[in-house]
Amino acid sequence: MTGDCRIGRPAGIMVNHITPAEMTMNEEAFNLSLRKFLKTVGVGSQREIEQAVDKAISSGAIKGTESLPASATLVVAGLSLSVRFDGEIKLQ
């Protein structure tokens, strides 16, 4: 008889209640890809906002003392997930 060697389960005890997520998802791969995605979003968003602020100040569209409302929507189609995040970007 072989047992589940995960921490907290004694060797030799069979476990028959493994969920589908445990069978198919690689937790490490998921976490790494999620962090990579969030880093890409964070770095890319910051760069785009900085460039837009510089352009708006240069053109006179804004003074550089404003507080700008901002929002972002996270969409993960395969999960039917759509979440909006609201905030404010203060220039001074």
N, C-alpha and C. Protein backbone atom coordinates (compact mmCIF):
# COMPACT_ATOMS: atom_id res chain seq x y z
N MET A 1 0.85 -1.17 0.00
CA MET A 1 0.00 0.00 0.00
C MET A 1 0.89 1.23 0.00
N THR A 2 0.67 2.14 -0.94
CA THR A 2 1.45 3.37 -0.96
C THR A 2 0.60 4.49 -0.41
N GLY A 3 1.25 5.41 0.28
CA GLY A 3 0.52 6.51 0.90
C GLY A 3 0.84 7.83 0.24
N ASP A 4 0.09 8.82 0.63
CA ASP A 4 0.31 10.18 0.18
C ASP A 4 1.42 10.74 1.05
N CYS A 5 2.50 11.22 0.45
CA CYS A 5 3.67 11.67 1.20
C CYS A 5 3.62 13.14 1.57
N ARG A 6 2.48 13.79 1.38
CA ARG A 6 2.39 15.19 1.75
C ARG A 6 2.52 15.36 3.25
N ILE A 7 3.06 16.48 3.66
CA ILE A 7 3.24 16.76 5.09
C ILE A 7 1.90 16.68 5.80
N GLY A 8 1.90 16.07 6.97
CA GLY A 8 0.70 15.99 7.77
C GLY A 8 -0.10 14.71 7.54
N ARG A 9 0.28 13.92 6.56
CA ARG A 9 -0.41 12.66 6.32
C ARG A 9 0.57 11.52 6.55
N PRO A 10 0.25 10.63 7.46
CA PRO A 10 1.16 9.52 7.75
C PRO A 10 1.36 8.63 6.52
N ALA A 11 2.57 8.14 6.37
CA ALA A 11 2.86 7.21 5.27
C ALA A 11 2.03 5.96 5.45
N GLY A 12 1.57 5.39 4.36
CA GLY A 12 0.81 4.15 4.42
C GLY A 12 -0.69 4.35 4.47
N ILE A 13 -1.15 5.59 4.58
CA ILE A 13 -2.59 5.85 4.62
C ILE A 13 -3.03 6.35 3.25
N MET A 14 -3.98 5.67 2.66
CA MET A 14 -4.49 6.04 1.35
C MET A 14 -5.43 7.24 1.48
N VAL A 15 -5.34 8.14 0.53
CA VAL A 15 -6.23 9.30 0.51
C VAL A 15 -7.00 9.26 -0.79
N ASN A 16 -8.32 9.21 -0.70
CA ASN A 16 -9.15 9.08 -1.89
C ASN A 16 -9.96 10.34 -2.19
N HIS A 17 -9.74 11.42 -1.50
CA HIS A 17 -10.53 12.62 -1.72
C HIS A 17 -9.70 13.77 -2.30
N ILE A 18 -9.00 13.51 -3.37
CA ILE A 18 -8.21 14.53 -4.05
C ILE A 18 -9.15 15.30 -4.98
N THR A 19 -9.12 16.62 -4.88
CA THR A 19 -10.00 17.45 -5.70
C THR A 19 -9.45 17.55 -7.12
N PRO A 20 -10.32 17.88 -8.08
CA PRO A 20 -9.83 18.06 -9.46
C PRO A 20 -8.72 19.11 -9.56
N ALA A 21 -8.79 20.17 -8.75
CA ALA A 21 -7.75 21.20 -8.78
C ALA A 21 -6.40 20.63 -8.36
N GLU A 22 -6.40 19.76 -7.37
CA GLU A 22 -5.15 19.14 -6.93
C GLU A 22 -4.57 18.24 -8.01
N MET A 23 -5.41 17.64 -8.82
CA MET A 23 -4.95 16.72 -9.86
C MET A 23 -4.39 17.45 -11.07
N THR A 24 -4.89 18.65 -11.35
CA THR A 24 -4.53 19.29 -12.61
C THR A 24 -3.68 20.55 -12.47
N MET A 25 -3.78 21.26 -11.36
CA MET A 25 -3.09 22.55 -11.27
C MET A 25 -1.72 22.39 -10.64
N ASN A 26 -0.74 23.00 -11.27
CA ASN A 26 0.61 23.05 -10.72
C ASN A 26 0.72 24.39 -10.00
N GLU A 27 0.67 24.35 -8.68
CA GLU A 27 0.65 25.56 -7.84
C GLU A 27 1.86 26.46 -8.11
N GLU A 28 3.03 25.88 -8.28
CA GLU A 28 4.23 26.67 -8.52
C GLU A 28 4.17 27.38 -9.87
N ALA A 29 3.75 26.67 -10.90
CA ALA A 29 3.63 27.28 -12.23
C ALA A 29 2.58 28.39 -12.21
N PHE A 30 1.47 28.14 -11.53
CA PHE A 30 0.41 29.15 -11.40
C PHE A 30 0.94 30.41 -10.73
N ASN A 31 1.59 30.26 -9.59
CA ASN A 31 2.10 31.41 -8.85
C ASN A 31 3.14 32.19 -9.65
N LEU A 32 4.04 31.47 -10.33
CA LEU A 32 5.07 32.14 -11.14
C LEU A 32 4.45 32.93 -12.29
N SER A 33 3.48 32.32 -12.98
CA SER A 33 2.87 33.01 -14.12
C SER A 33 2.02 34.17 -13.65
N LEU A 34 1.36 34.03 -12.51
CA LEU A 34 0.56 35.12 -11.97
C LEU A 34 1.44 36.30 -11.58
N ARG A 35 2.55 36.03 -10.91
CA ARG A 35 3.48 37.10 -10.55
C ARG A 35 4.05 37.79 -11.79
N LYS A 36 4.38 37.01 -12.81
CA LYS A 36 4.92 37.58 -14.05
C LYS A 36 3.88 38.49 -14.71
N PHE A 37 2.64 38.03 -14.76
CA PHE A 37 1.56 38.84 -15.34
C PHE A 37 1.38 40.14 -14.56
N LEU A 38 1.31 40.04 -13.23
CA LEU A 38 1.11 41.24 -12.41
C LEU A 38 2.28 42.22 -12.52
N LYS A 39 3.49 41.69 -12.64
CA LYS A 39 4.66 42.56 -12.81
C LYS A 39 4.57 43.28 -14.16
N THR A 40 4.20 42.56 -15.21
CA THR A 40 4.05 43.16 -16.54
C THR A 40 2.99 44.26 -16.50
N VAL A 41 1.86 43.98 -15.86
CA VAL A 41 0.79 44.98 -15.75
C VAL A 41 1.27 46.19 -14.98
N GLY A 42 1.93 45.96 -13.84
CA GLY A 42 2.38 47.06 -13.00
C GLY A 42 3.41 47.94 -13.68
N VAL A 43 4.44 47.33 -14.24
CA VAL A 43 5.52 48.08 -14.90
C VAL A 43 4.99 48.78 -16.16
N GLY A 44 4.23 48.06 -16.96
CA GLY A 44 3.69 48.65 -18.19
C GLY A 44 2.72 49.79 -17.91
N SER A 45 1.85 49.61 -16.92
CA SER A 45 0.89 50.66 -16.57
C SER A 45 1.61 51.90 -16.06
N GLN A 46 2.60 51.71 -15.21
CA GLN A 46 3.34 52.86 -14.68
C GLN A 46 4.01 53.63 -15.80
N ARG A 47 4.64 52.93 -16.74
CA ARG A 47 5.32 53.58 -17.86
C ARG A 47 4.31 54.38 -18.71
N GLU A 48 3.18 53.78 -19.01
CA GLU A 48 2.15 54.46 -19.83
C GLU A 48 1.61 55.71 -19.13
N ILE A 49 1.36 55.60 -17.83
CA ILE A 49 0.83 56.74 -17.08
C ILE A 49 1.87 57.86 -17.02
N GLU A 50 3.13 57.51 -16.74
CA GLU A 50 4.20 58.52 -16.69
C GLU A 50 4.32 59.26 -18.02
N GLN A 51 4.30 58.51 -19.13
CA GLN A 51 4.41 59.12 -20.45
C GLN A 51 3.21 60.02 -20.75
N ALA A 52 2.02 59.59 -20.37
CA ALA A 52 0.82 60.38 -20.61
C ALA A 52 0.83 61.66 -19.78
N VAL A 53 1.30 61.58 -18.54
CA VAL A 53 1.39 62.77 -17.68
C VAL A 53 2.41 63.74 -18.27
N ASP A 54 3.58 63.25 -18.66
CA ASP A 54 4.61 64.12 -19.26
C ASP A 54 4.07 64.83 -20.51
N LYS A 55 3.38 64.08 -21.35
CA LYS A 55 2.82 64.65 -22.59
C LYS A 55 1.75 65.70 -22.26
N ALA A 56 0.89 65.40 -21.29
CA ALA A 56 -0.18 66.33 -20.93
C ALA A 56 0.37 67.61 -20.31
N ILE A 57 1.41 67.50 -19.51
CA ILE A 57 2.04 68.69 -18.93
C ILE A 57 2.72 69.51 -20.03
N SER A 58 3.44 68.83 -20.92
CA SER A 58 4.14 69.52 -22.01
C SER A 58 3.17 70.27 -22.94
N SER A 59 2.02 69.69 -23.17
CA SER A 59 1.05 70.31 -24.08
C SER A 59 0.17 71.35 -23.38
N GLY A 60 0.29 71.41 -22.06
CA GLY A 60 -0.52 72.38 -21.32
C GLY A 60 -1.91 71.86 -20.96
N ALA A 61 -2.18 70.62 -21.25
CA ALA A 61 -3.49 70.05 -20.95
C ALA A 61 -3.73 69.94 -19.44
N ILE A 62 -2.66 69.74 -18.70
CA ILE A 62 -2.74 69.74 -17.24
C ILE A 62 -1.57 70.56 -16.70
N LYS A 63 -1.69 71.00 -15.46
CA LYS A 63 -0.65 71.84 -14.85
C LYS A 63 0.41 71.01 -14.12
N GLY A 64 0.05 69.83 -13.70
CA GLY A 64 0.98 69.01 -12.93
C GLY A 64 0.72 69.08 -11.44
N THR A 65 -0.39 69.69 -11.08
CA THR A 65 -0.77 69.81 -9.67
C THR A 65 -2.07 69.07 -9.37
N GLU A 66 -2.62 68.42 -10.37
CA GLU A 66 -3.91 67.77 -10.26
C GLU A 66 -3.85 66.44 -9.49
N SER A 67 -5.04 66.01 -9.11
CA SER A 67 -5.27 64.63 -8.68
C SER A 67 -6.18 64.03 -9.75
N LEU A 68 -5.74 62.95 -10.32
CA LEU A 68 -6.45 62.37 -11.46
C LEU A 68 -7.13 61.06 -11.05
N PRO A 69 -8.45 60.98 -11.22
CA PRO A 69 -9.11 59.71 -10.95
C PRO A 69 -8.62 58.68 -11.97
N ALA A 70 -8.46 57.46 -11.52
CA ALA A 70 -7.98 56.39 -12.40
C ALA A 70 -8.73 55.11 -12.09
N SER A 71 -8.84 54.27 -13.09
CA SER A 71 -9.44 52.95 -12.87
C SER A 71 -8.75 51.94 -13.77
N ALA A 72 -8.83 50.70 -13.35
CA ALA A 72 -8.30 49.60 -14.15
C ALA A 72 -9.28 48.44 -14.01
N THR A 73 -9.45 47.71 -15.08
CA THR A 73 -10.33 46.56 -15.05
C THR A 73 -9.52 45.31 -15.36
N LEU A 74 -9.60 44.35 -14.48
CA LEU A 74 -8.92 43.07 -14.65
C LEU A 74 -9.93 42.08 -15.23
N VAL A 75 -9.58 41.49 -16.37
CA VAL A 75 -10.47 40.53 -17.02
C VAL A 75 -9.70 39.24 -17.24
N VAL A 76 -10.26 38.14 -16.76
CA VAL A 76 -9.72 36.81 -17.03
C VAL A 76 -10.87 36.02 -17.64
N ALA A 77 -10.86 35.95 -18.96
CA ALA A 77 -11.99 35.38 -19.68
C ALA A 77 -12.28 33.93 -19.29
N GLY A 78 -11.27 33.12 -19.14
CA GLY A 78 -11.49 31.72 -18.81
C GLY A 78 -12.12 31.50 -17.46
N LEU A 79 -12.13 32.53 -16.62
CA LEU A 79 -12.73 32.43 -15.29
C LEU A 79 -14.00 33.26 -15.18
N SER A 80 -14.39 33.91 -16.26
CA SER A 80 -15.53 34.84 -16.23
C SER A 80 -15.33 35.88 -15.13
N LEU A 81 -14.09 36.36 -15.01
CA LEU A 81 -13.73 37.34 -13.98
C LEU A 81 -13.56 38.70 -14.61
N SER A 82 -14.24 39.69 -14.05
CA SER A 82 -14.08 41.07 -14.46
C SER A 82 -14.23 41.91 -13.20
N VAL A 83 -13.12 42.52 -12.78
CA VAL A 83 -13.11 43.30 -11.54
C VAL A 83 -12.53 44.67 -11.83
N ARG A 84 -13.22 45.71 -11.36
CA ARG A 84 -12.76 47.08 -11.56
C ARG A 84 -12.09 47.57 -10.28
N PHE A 85 -10.95 48.26 -10.46
CA PHE A 85 -10.24 48.87 -9.36
C PHE A 85 -10.21 50.38 -9.59
N ASP A 86 -10.58 51.15 -8.60
CA ASP A 86 -10.61 52.60 -8.71
C ASP A 86 -9.59 53.20 -7.75
N GLY A 87 -9.02 54.32 -8.18
CA GLY A 87 -8.05 55.00 -7.34
C GLY A 87 -7.84 56.42 -7.81
N GLU A 88 -6.77 57.01 -7.32
CA GLU A 88 -6.45 58.38 -7.65
C GLU A 88 -4.94 58.51 -7.80
N ILE A 89 -4.53 59.25 -8.81
CA ILE A 89 -3.12 59.53 -9.03
C ILE A 89 -2.90 61.00 -8.72
N LYS A 90 -2.14 61.26 -7.67
CA LYS A 90 -1.88 62.64 -7.24
C LYS A 90 -0.55 63.09 -7.84
N LEU A 91 -0.58 64.21 -8.50
CA LEU A 91 0.63 64.75 -9.12
C LEU A 91 1.39 65.69 -8.19
N GLN A 92 0.78 66.01 -7.08
CA GLN A 92 1.47 66.86 -6.11
C GLN A 92 1.06 66.50 -4.71
